[in-house]
N, C-alpha and C. Protein backbone atom coordinates (compact mmCIF):
# COMPACT_ATOMS: atom_id res chain seq x y z
N MET A 1 -88.33 91.76 -356.08
CA MET A 1 -87.03 91.56 -355.48
C MET A 1 -86.88 92.53 -354.31
N SER A 2 -86.44 92.03 -353.17
CA SER A 2 -86.28 92.89 -352.01
C SER A 2 -84.96 93.65 -352.07
N GLN A 3 -84.94 94.78 -351.39
CA GLN A 3 -83.73 95.59 -351.27
C GLN A 3 -83.29 95.59 -349.82
N LEU A 4 -82.01 95.75 -349.61
CA LEU A 4 -81.44 95.84 -348.27
C LEU A 4 -80.69 97.15 -348.16
N ARG A 5 -80.89 97.86 -347.08
CA ARG A 5 -80.13 99.08 -346.79
C ARG A 5 -79.57 98.98 -345.38
N VAL A 6 -78.47 99.70 -345.19
CA VAL A 6 -77.79 99.75 -343.90
C VAL A 6 -77.78 101.19 -343.41
N GLY A 7 -78.00 101.38 -342.12
CA GLY A 7 -77.93 102.71 -341.52
C GLY A 7 -77.00 102.70 -340.33
N LEU A 8 -76.30 103.82 -340.11
CA LEU A 8 -75.40 103.98 -338.98
C LEU A 8 -75.87 105.17 -338.16
N GLY A 9 -76.00 104.97 -336.86
CA GLY A 9 -76.41 106.05 -335.98
C GLY A 9 -75.41 106.22 -334.84
N PHE A 10 -75.27 107.45 -334.37
CA PHE A 10 -74.37 107.76 -333.28
C PHE A 10 -75.04 108.81 -332.41
N ASP A 11 -74.87 108.67 -331.09
CA ASP A 11 -75.32 109.71 -330.18
C ASP A 11 -74.40 109.71 -328.97
N ALA A 12 -74.20 110.90 -328.41
CA ALA A 12 -73.39 111.05 -327.20
C ALA A 12 -74.00 112.13 -326.33
N HIS A 13 -73.96 111.92 -325.04
CA HIS A 13 -74.47 112.90 -324.09
C HIS A 13 -73.54 112.99 -322.89
N ARG A 14 -73.51 114.18 -322.31
CA ARG A 14 -72.73 114.45 -321.10
C ARG A 14 -73.55 114.04 -319.88
N PHE A 15 -72.88 113.44 -318.90
CA PHE A 15 -73.54 113.18 -317.63
C PHE A 15 -73.83 114.50 -316.93
N GLY A 16 -74.86 114.51 -316.12
CA GLY A 16 -75.17 115.70 -315.34
C GLY A 16 -76.64 116.01 -315.32
N GLY A 17 -77.38 115.37 -316.18
CA GLY A 17 -78.82 115.58 -316.16
C GLY A 17 -79.44 114.93 -314.93
N LYS A 18 -80.72 115.22 -314.76
CA LYS A 18 -81.43 114.61 -313.63
C LYS A 18 -81.48 113.10 -313.83
N SER A 19 -81.42 112.39 -312.74
CA SER A 19 -81.61 110.93 -312.79
C SER A 19 -83.05 110.68 -313.17
N PRO A 20 -83.38 109.56 -313.72
CA PRO A 20 -82.51 108.40 -313.87
C PRO A 20 -81.79 108.40 -315.22
N LEU A 21 -80.81 107.51 -315.33
CA LEU A 21 -80.15 107.24 -316.59
C LEU A 21 -81.00 106.22 -317.32
N VAL A 22 -81.43 106.57 -318.54
CA VAL A 22 -82.28 105.68 -319.34
C VAL A 22 -81.51 105.31 -320.61
N LEU A 23 -81.42 104.01 -320.88
CA LEU A 23 -80.78 103.51 -322.10
C LEU A 23 -81.64 102.39 -322.67
N GLY A 24 -81.97 102.50 -323.92
CA GLY A 24 -82.79 101.47 -324.56
C GLY A 24 -84.13 101.28 -323.88
N GLY A 25 -84.67 102.36 -323.31
CA GLY A 25 -85.97 102.30 -322.66
C GLY A 25 -85.95 101.71 -321.27
N VAL A 26 -84.75 101.51 -320.72
CA VAL A 26 -84.60 100.86 -319.41
C VAL A 26 -83.84 101.80 -318.46
N ILE A 27 -84.31 101.87 -317.22
CA ILE A 27 -83.59 102.64 -316.21
C ILE A 27 -82.37 101.83 -315.79
N VAL A 28 -81.19 102.46 -315.92
CA VAL A 28 -79.91 101.81 -315.65
C VAL A 28 -79.34 102.36 -314.35
N ASP A 29 -78.79 101.47 -313.52
CA ASP A 29 -78.19 101.88 -312.26
C ASP A 29 -77.01 102.81 -312.50
N HIS A 30 -77.17 104.07 -312.13
CA HIS A 30 -76.08 105.04 -312.23
C HIS A 30 -76.49 106.25 -311.43
N GLU A 31 -75.52 106.94 -310.84
CA GLU A 31 -75.85 108.06 -309.97
C GLU A 31 -76.26 109.32 -310.72
N ARG A 32 -75.97 109.39 -312.03
CA ARG A 32 -76.29 110.58 -312.80
C ARG A 32 -77.05 110.22 -314.07
N GLY A 33 -77.90 111.15 -314.48
CA GLY A 33 -78.57 111.02 -315.76
C GLY A 33 -77.75 111.70 -316.83
N LEU A 34 -78.34 111.92 -317.98
CA LEU A 34 -77.66 112.56 -319.10
C LEU A 34 -78.32 113.90 -319.42
N GLU A 35 -77.51 114.87 -319.79
CA GLU A 35 -78.02 116.17 -320.21
C GLU A 35 -78.59 116.02 -321.62
N ALA A 36 -79.84 116.42 -321.80
CA ALA A 36 -80.48 116.31 -323.10
C ALA A 36 -81.79 117.08 -323.09
N THR A 37 -82.30 117.35 -324.27
CA THR A 37 -83.61 117.97 -324.39
C THR A 37 -84.68 116.97 -323.97
N SER A 38 -84.55 115.74 -324.48
CA SER A 38 -85.51 114.68 -324.14
C SER A 38 -85.06 113.99 -322.86
N ASP A 39 -85.45 112.72 -322.68
CA ASP A 39 -84.99 111.97 -321.52
C ASP A 39 -83.53 111.53 -321.66
N GLY A 40 -82.91 111.81 -322.80
CA GLY A 40 -81.48 111.54 -322.98
C GLY A 40 -81.13 110.10 -323.31
N ASP A 41 -82.09 109.30 -323.73
CA ASP A 41 -81.83 107.90 -324.03
C ASP A 41 -80.98 107.81 -325.31
N ALA A 42 -79.66 107.83 -325.13
CA ALA A 42 -78.75 107.84 -326.27
C ALA A 42 -78.86 106.58 -327.12
N ALA A 43 -79.25 105.47 -326.52
CA ALA A 43 -79.42 104.23 -327.29
C ALA A 43 -80.59 104.38 -328.26
N ALA A 44 -81.72 104.86 -327.78
CA ALA A 44 -82.89 105.07 -328.64
C ALA A 44 -82.58 106.11 -329.71
N HIS A 45 -81.81 107.13 -329.36
CA HIS A 45 -81.45 108.17 -330.32
C HIS A 45 -80.56 107.61 -331.43
N ALA A 46 -79.57 106.82 -331.07
CA ALA A 46 -78.66 106.25 -332.07
C ALA A 46 -79.42 105.32 -333.02
N VAL A 47 -80.31 104.50 -332.49
CA VAL A 47 -81.10 103.60 -333.33
C VAL A 47 -82.02 104.42 -334.24
N SER A 48 -82.63 105.46 -333.71
CA SER A 48 -83.50 106.32 -334.52
C SER A 48 -82.73 106.94 -335.68
N ASP A 49 -81.56 107.50 -335.41
CA ASP A 49 -80.75 108.10 -336.47
C ASP A 49 -80.33 107.07 -337.51
N ALA A 50 -79.97 105.86 -337.06
CA ALA A 50 -79.58 104.81 -337.99
C ALA A 50 -80.74 104.45 -338.91
N LEU A 51 -81.94 104.34 -338.35
CA LEU A 51 -83.11 104.01 -339.16
C LEU A 51 -83.43 105.12 -340.15
N LEU A 52 -83.43 106.35 -339.68
CA LEU A 52 -83.72 107.48 -340.55
C LEU A 52 -82.71 107.56 -341.69
N GLY A 53 -81.44 107.34 -341.38
CA GLY A 53 -80.41 107.36 -342.40
C GLY A 53 -80.55 106.25 -343.41
N ALA A 54 -80.91 105.07 -342.94
CA ALA A 54 -81.04 103.92 -343.84
C ALA A 54 -82.09 104.14 -344.91
N VAL A 55 -83.15 104.85 -344.57
CA VAL A 55 -84.23 105.04 -345.54
C VAL A 55 -84.25 106.46 -346.12
N GLY A 56 -83.24 107.26 -345.80
CA GLY A 56 -83.11 108.59 -346.39
C GLY A 56 -84.12 109.61 -345.90
N LEU A 57 -84.45 109.55 -344.62
CA LEU A 57 -85.44 110.46 -344.05
C LEU A 57 -84.83 111.50 -343.11
N GLY A 58 -83.56 111.81 -343.29
CA GLY A 58 -82.94 112.84 -342.46
C GLY A 58 -82.37 112.27 -341.18
N ASP A 59 -82.50 113.03 -340.10
CA ASP A 59 -81.95 112.62 -338.81
C ASP A 59 -82.87 113.07 -337.68
N MET A 60 -82.46 112.77 -336.46
CA MET A 60 -83.28 113.11 -335.29
C MET A 60 -83.57 114.61 -335.22
N GLY A 61 -82.57 115.43 -335.54
CA GLY A 61 -82.75 116.88 -335.49
C GLY A 61 -83.78 117.38 -336.47
N THR A 62 -83.94 116.68 -337.58
CA THR A 62 -84.94 117.03 -338.57
C THR A 62 -86.35 116.81 -338.03
N HIS A 63 -86.54 115.69 -337.36
CA HIS A 63 -87.88 115.31 -336.89
C HIS A 63 -88.19 115.77 -335.46
N PHE A 64 -87.15 115.90 -334.65
CA PHE A 64 -87.33 116.25 -333.24
C PHE A 64 -86.33 117.34 -332.85
N PRO A 65 -86.44 118.54 -333.39
CA PRO A 65 -85.42 119.58 -333.13
C PRO A 65 -85.33 119.96 -331.65
N SER A 66 -84.10 120.08 -331.17
CA SER A 66 -83.90 120.44 -329.76
C SER A 66 -84.36 121.86 -329.48
N SER A 67 -84.52 122.67 -330.51
CA SER A 67 -85.02 124.04 -330.34
C SER A 67 -86.53 124.06 -330.06
N ASP A 68 -87.20 122.95 -330.28
CA ASP A 68 -88.64 122.84 -330.04
C ASP A 68 -88.87 122.39 -328.60
N GLU A 69 -89.35 123.29 -327.77
CA GLU A 69 -89.56 122.99 -326.35
C GLU A 69 -90.56 121.86 -326.14
N GLY A 70 -91.33 121.53 -327.15
CA GLY A 70 -92.28 120.43 -327.04
C GLY A 70 -91.60 119.09 -326.81
N TRP A 71 -90.31 118.99 -327.12
CA TRP A 71 -89.57 117.74 -326.92
C TRP A 71 -88.86 117.70 -325.57
N ARG A 72 -88.98 118.77 -324.77
CA ARG A 72 -88.33 118.81 -323.46
C ARG A 72 -88.84 117.67 -322.60
N GLY A 73 -87.92 116.78 -322.18
CA GLY A 73 -88.28 115.65 -321.32
C GLY A 73 -88.99 114.51 -322.03
N ALA A 74 -89.06 114.56 -323.36
CA ALA A 74 -89.81 113.55 -324.11
C ALA A 74 -89.23 112.15 -323.91
N ASP A 75 -90.10 111.16 -323.98
CA ASP A 75 -89.73 109.76 -323.88
C ASP A 75 -89.11 109.35 -325.23
N SER A 76 -87.83 109.03 -325.22
CA SER A 76 -87.11 108.70 -326.45
C SER A 76 -87.61 107.42 -327.10
N MET A 77 -88.18 106.52 -326.33
CA MET A 77 -88.74 105.30 -326.93
C MET A 77 -90.01 105.64 -327.72
N LEU A 78 -90.76 106.65 -327.31
CA LEU A 78 -91.90 107.10 -328.11
C LEU A 78 -91.41 107.78 -329.38
N MET A 79 -90.30 108.49 -329.28
CA MET A 79 -89.69 109.09 -330.47
C MET A 79 -89.24 107.98 -331.43
N LEU A 80 -88.61 106.94 -330.89
CA LEU A 80 -88.19 105.80 -331.71
C LEU A 80 -89.41 105.15 -332.36
N ASP A 81 -90.49 105.01 -331.63
CA ASP A 81 -91.71 104.43 -332.20
C ASP A 81 -92.21 105.28 -333.37
N THR A 82 -92.13 106.59 -333.24
CA THR A 82 -92.51 107.49 -334.34
C THR A 82 -91.61 107.26 -335.55
N VAL A 83 -90.32 107.09 -335.31
CA VAL A 83 -89.39 106.82 -336.40
C VAL A 83 -89.71 105.50 -337.08
N VAL A 84 -89.99 104.47 -336.30
CA VAL A 84 -90.35 103.17 -336.87
C VAL A 84 -91.59 103.31 -337.76
N LYS A 85 -92.55 104.10 -337.33
CA LYS A 85 -93.76 104.31 -338.14
C LYS A 85 -93.42 105.03 -339.45
N LEU A 86 -92.51 105.99 -339.41
CA LEU A 86 -92.07 106.68 -340.63
C LEU A 86 -91.37 105.70 -341.57
N VAL A 87 -90.53 104.84 -341.00
CA VAL A 87 -89.81 103.83 -341.79
C VAL A 87 -90.82 102.91 -342.47
N ARG A 88 -91.80 102.44 -341.70
CA ARG A 88 -92.82 101.54 -342.24
C ARG A 88 -93.66 102.23 -343.31
N ALA A 89 -94.00 103.50 -343.06
CA ALA A 89 -94.80 104.24 -344.04
C ALA A 89 -94.06 104.42 -345.36
N SER A 90 -92.74 104.34 -345.32
CA SER A 90 -91.92 104.42 -346.52
C SER A 90 -91.75 103.06 -347.19
N GLY A 91 -92.36 102.03 -346.60
CA GLY A 91 -92.33 100.70 -347.19
C GLY A 91 -91.21 99.80 -346.69
N TRP A 92 -90.46 100.25 -345.69
CA TRP A 92 -89.31 99.48 -345.18
C TRP A 92 -89.67 98.78 -343.87
N TRP A 93 -88.95 97.69 -343.60
CA TRP A 93 -89.10 96.93 -342.35
C TRP A 93 -87.74 96.83 -341.69
N VAL A 94 -87.73 96.93 -340.37
CA VAL A 94 -86.47 96.78 -339.63
C VAL A 94 -86.08 95.31 -339.65
N ASN A 95 -84.89 95.06 -340.10
CA ASN A 95 -84.39 93.70 -340.20
C ASN A 95 -83.62 93.33 -338.93
N ASN A 96 -82.60 94.12 -338.62
CA ASN A 96 -81.87 93.88 -337.38
C ASN A 96 -81.20 95.15 -336.89
N VAL A 97 -80.81 95.14 -335.61
CA VAL A 97 -80.15 96.28 -334.97
C VAL A 97 -78.98 95.74 -334.15
N ASP A 98 -77.84 96.39 -334.31
CA ASP A 98 -76.65 96.07 -333.51
C ASP A 98 -76.23 97.35 -332.81
N LEU A 99 -76.26 97.34 -331.49
CA LEU A 99 -76.05 98.53 -330.67
C LEU A 99 -74.82 98.35 -329.79
N THR A 100 -73.96 99.37 -329.75
CA THR A 100 -72.80 99.35 -328.85
C THR A 100 -72.83 100.59 -327.97
N ILE A 101 -72.88 100.38 -326.67
CA ILE A 101 -72.88 101.46 -325.69
C ILE A 101 -71.44 101.61 -325.19
N ILE A 102 -70.92 102.83 -325.28
CA ILE A 102 -69.54 103.11 -324.91
C ILE A 102 -69.55 103.97 -323.64
N ALA A 103 -69.14 103.37 -322.53
CA ALA A 103 -69.16 104.06 -321.24
C ALA A 103 -68.13 103.41 -320.31
N GLN A 104 -67.48 104.23 -319.52
CA GLN A 104 -66.44 103.70 -318.64
C GLN A 104 -67.00 103.07 -317.37
N ASN A 105 -67.97 103.73 -316.76
CA ASN A 105 -68.42 103.30 -315.43
C ASN A 105 -69.91 102.98 -315.34
N VAL A 106 -70.53 102.66 -316.45
CA VAL A 106 -71.94 102.28 -316.45
C VAL A 106 -72.00 100.79 -316.75
N ARG A 107 -72.58 100.03 -315.84
CA ARG A 107 -72.68 98.58 -316.02
C ARG A 107 -73.91 98.25 -316.86
N ILE A 108 -73.67 97.76 -318.04
CA ILE A 108 -74.76 97.44 -318.97
C ILE A 108 -75.26 96.02 -318.79
N ASP A 109 -74.38 95.10 -318.46
CA ASP A 109 -74.74 93.69 -318.43
C ASP A 109 -76.01 93.37 -317.62
N PRO A 110 -76.20 93.96 -316.43
CA PRO A 110 -77.42 93.63 -315.68
C PRO A 110 -78.72 94.08 -316.37
N HIS A 111 -78.59 94.97 -317.36
CA HIS A 111 -79.76 95.55 -318.02
C HIS A 111 -79.87 95.16 -319.49
N ARG A 112 -78.88 94.41 -319.99
CA ARG A 112 -78.79 94.08 -321.41
C ARG A 112 -80.07 93.42 -321.95
N GLN A 113 -80.55 92.41 -321.28
CA GLN A 113 -81.72 91.67 -321.78
C GLN A 113 -82.97 92.55 -321.76
N ALA A 114 -83.14 93.34 -320.71
CA ALA A 114 -84.30 94.23 -320.64
C ALA A 114 -84.24 95.27 -321.76
N MET A 115 -83.05 95.79 -322.06
CA MET A 115 -82.89 96.74 -323.16
C MET A 115 -83.23 96.08 -324.49
N ARG A 116 -82.71 94.88 -324.67
CA ARG A 116 -82.95 94.16 -325.92
C ARG A 116 -84.45 93.94 -326.12
N LEU A 117 -85.13 93.53 -325.07
CA LEU A 117 -86.57 93.29 -325.16
C LEU A 117 -87.36 94.57 -325.40
N ALA A 118 -87.00 95.65 -324.71
CA ALA A 118 -87.70 96.93 -324.89
C ALA A 118 -87.53 97.44 -326.32
N LEU A 119 -86.31 97.37 -326.83
CA LEU A 119 -86.05 97.82 -328.20
C LEU A 119 -86.74 96.90 -329.20
N SER A 120 -86.67 95.60 -328.96
CA SER A 120 -87.32 94.63 -329.86
C SER A 120 -88.81 94.90 -329.97
N ASP A 121 -89.44 95.24 -328.85
CA ASP A 121 -90.87 95.51 -328.84
C ASP A 121 -91.22 96.68 -329.74
N VAL A 122 -90.47 97.78 -329.64
CA VAL A 122 -90.74 98.97 -330.45
C VAL A 122 -90.38 98.72 -331.92
N LEU A 123 -89.27 98.03 -332.15
CA LEU A 123 -88.79 97.79 -333.51
C LEU A 123 -89.51 96.64 -334.22
N GLU A 124 -90.24 95.86 -333.46
CA GLU A 124 -90.96 94.69 -333.96
C GLU A 124 -90.03 93.70 -334.66
N THR A 125 -88.88 93.48 -334.06
CA THR A 125 -87.95 92.44 -334.50
C THR A 125 -87.21 91.91 -333.29
N GLU A 126 -86.95 90.63 -333.29
CA GLU A 126 -86.18 90.04 -332.19
C GLU A 126 -84.68 90.13 -332.44
N ALA A 127 -84.31 90.57 -333.64
CA ALA A 127 -82.90 90.63 -334.02
C ALA A 127 -82.27 91.94 -333.53
N VAL A 128 -82.15 92.05 -332.21
CA VAL A 128 -81.56 93.23 -331.58
C VAL A 128 -80.42 92.76 -330.68
N SER A 129 -79.26 93.32 -330.91
CA SER A 129 -78.08 93.01 -330.10
C SER A 129 -77.68 94.26 -329.33
N VAL A 130 -77.40 94.09 -328.04
CA VAL A 130 -76.94 95.20 -327.19
C VAL A 130 -75.59 94.79 -326.61
N LYS A 131 -74.57 95.58 -326.93
CA LYS A 131 -73.22 95.32 -326.45
C LYS A 131 -72.71 96.55 -325.71
N ALA A 132 -71.64 96.35 -324.95
CA ALA A 132 -71.04 97.47 -324.23
C ALA A 132 -69.53 97.36 -324.30
N THR A 133 -68.90 98.52 -324.25
CA THR A 133 -67.44 98.56 -324.21
C THR A 133 -67.01 99.83 -323.49
N THR A 134 -65.73 99.91 -323.20
CA THR A 134 -65.14 101.11 -322.62
C THR A 134 -64.10 101.66 -323.60
N THR A 135 -63.54 102.80 -323.25
CA THR A 135 -62.42 103.34 -324.03
C THR A 135 -61.13 103.25 -323.23
N ASP A 136 -61.11 102.36 -322.24
CA ASP A 136 -59.92 102.17 -321.39
C ASP A 136 -59.39 103.49 -320.85
N THR A 137 -60.30 104.28 -320.31
CA THR A 137 -60.08 105.57 -319.65
C THR A 137 -59.64 106.69 -320.59
N MET A 138 -59.73 106.50 -321.90
CA MET A 138 -59.37 107.56 -322.85
C MET A 138 -60.60 108.37 -323.22
N GLY A 139 -60.40 109.67 -323.47
CA GLY A 139 -61.45 110.54 -323.97
C GLY A 139 -62.55 110.84 -322.96
N PHE A 140 -63.61 111.52 -323.45
CA PHE A 140 -64.67 111.96 -322.54
C PHE A 140 -65.40 110.79 -321.90
N THR A 141 -65.57 109.67 -322.62
CA THR A 141 -66.24 108.52 -322.02
C THR A 141 -65.33 107.88 -320.97
N GLY A 142 -64.05 107.82 -321.26
CA GLY A 142 -63.08 107.22 -320.33
C GLY A 142 -62.93 108.02 -319.05
N ARG A 143 -63.10 109.33 -319.15
CA ARG A 143 -63.02 110.19 -317.96
C ARG A 143 -64.34 110.22 -317.20
N GLY A 144 -65.35 109.52 -317.70
CA GLY A 144 -66.65 109.47 -317.03
C GLY A 144 -67.47 110.74 -317.20
N GLU A 145 -67.17 111.52 -318.24
CA GLU A 145 -67.91 112.75 -318.48
C GLU A 145 -69.24 112.51 -319.18
N GLY A 146 -69.35 111.39 -319.86
CA GLY A 146 -70.57 111.08 -320.59
C GLY A 146 -70.47 109.70 -321.20
N LEU A 147 -71.39 109.41 -322.09
CA LEU A 147 -71.35 108.13 -322.79
C LEU A 147 -71.73 108.35 -324.25
N ALA A 148 -71.44 107.35 -325.05
CA ALA A 148 -71.75 107.40 -326.47
C ALA A 148 -72.35 106.06 -326.89
N VAL A 149 -73.11 106.09 -327.97
CA VAL A 149 -73.75 104.88 -328.48
C VAL A 149 -73.64 104.86 -330.00
N LEU A 150 -73.27 103.70 -330.53
CA LEU A 150 -73.26 103.45 -331.97
C LEU A 150 -74.33 102.43 -332.28
N ALA A 151 -75.04 102.64 -333.39
CA ALA A 151 -76.07 101.70 -333.82
C ALA A 151 -75.91 101.45 -335.31
N VAL A 152 -75.99 100.19 -335.68
CA VAL A 152 -76.04 99.79 -337.08
C VAL A 152 -77.34 99.03 -337.27
N VAL A 153 -78.09 99.41 -338.31
CA VAL A 153 -79.35 98.74 -338.60
C VAL A 153 -79.37 98.28 -340.06
N THR A 154 -80.14 97.26 -340.31
CA THR A 154 -80.48 96.92 -341.68
C THR A 154 -81.99 96.96 -341.81
N VAL A 155 -82.43 97.42 -342.98
CA VAL A 155 -83.86 97.46 -343.28
C VAL A 155 -84.06 96.82 -344.65
N THR A 156 -85.23 96.26 -344.85
CA THR A 156 -85.56 95.65 -346.14
C THR A 156 -86.89 96.17 -346.64
N ILE A 157 -87.05 96.10 -347.94
CA ILE A 157 -88.31 96.53 -348.55
C ILE A 157 -88.91 95.35 -349.29
């Protein structure tokens, strides 16, 4: 009998890092990048945390600590690939991913399909949804100080 688990991931970063802005493995049109130890791909980070949580393997900080200079500038999609391998090694398969990018002034729609395909390739599932929303100018995302990403995943064994 198969089991189903659900994981929730969240990541947020402040704008100000070096360009480019990378989300879901795709360079997104924006004048600023994100401040982060790695390349700052908050979408890949949120999905990674959701997967790790779903199978009880900790979080991104456990596997990729920001105090470790070896992760400086790291490709977050390679980090996600490492997480997928950990999930698989535990006997789980990614079933689906639902991603919501929260940003006031970042246009996701022109990049949505490319993000979906890039994430699908690493996750080895076509069941990847990429959505976007704003906070109607409220909070740090609404003021354009940064962006946030929520991810919900299901995994099966």
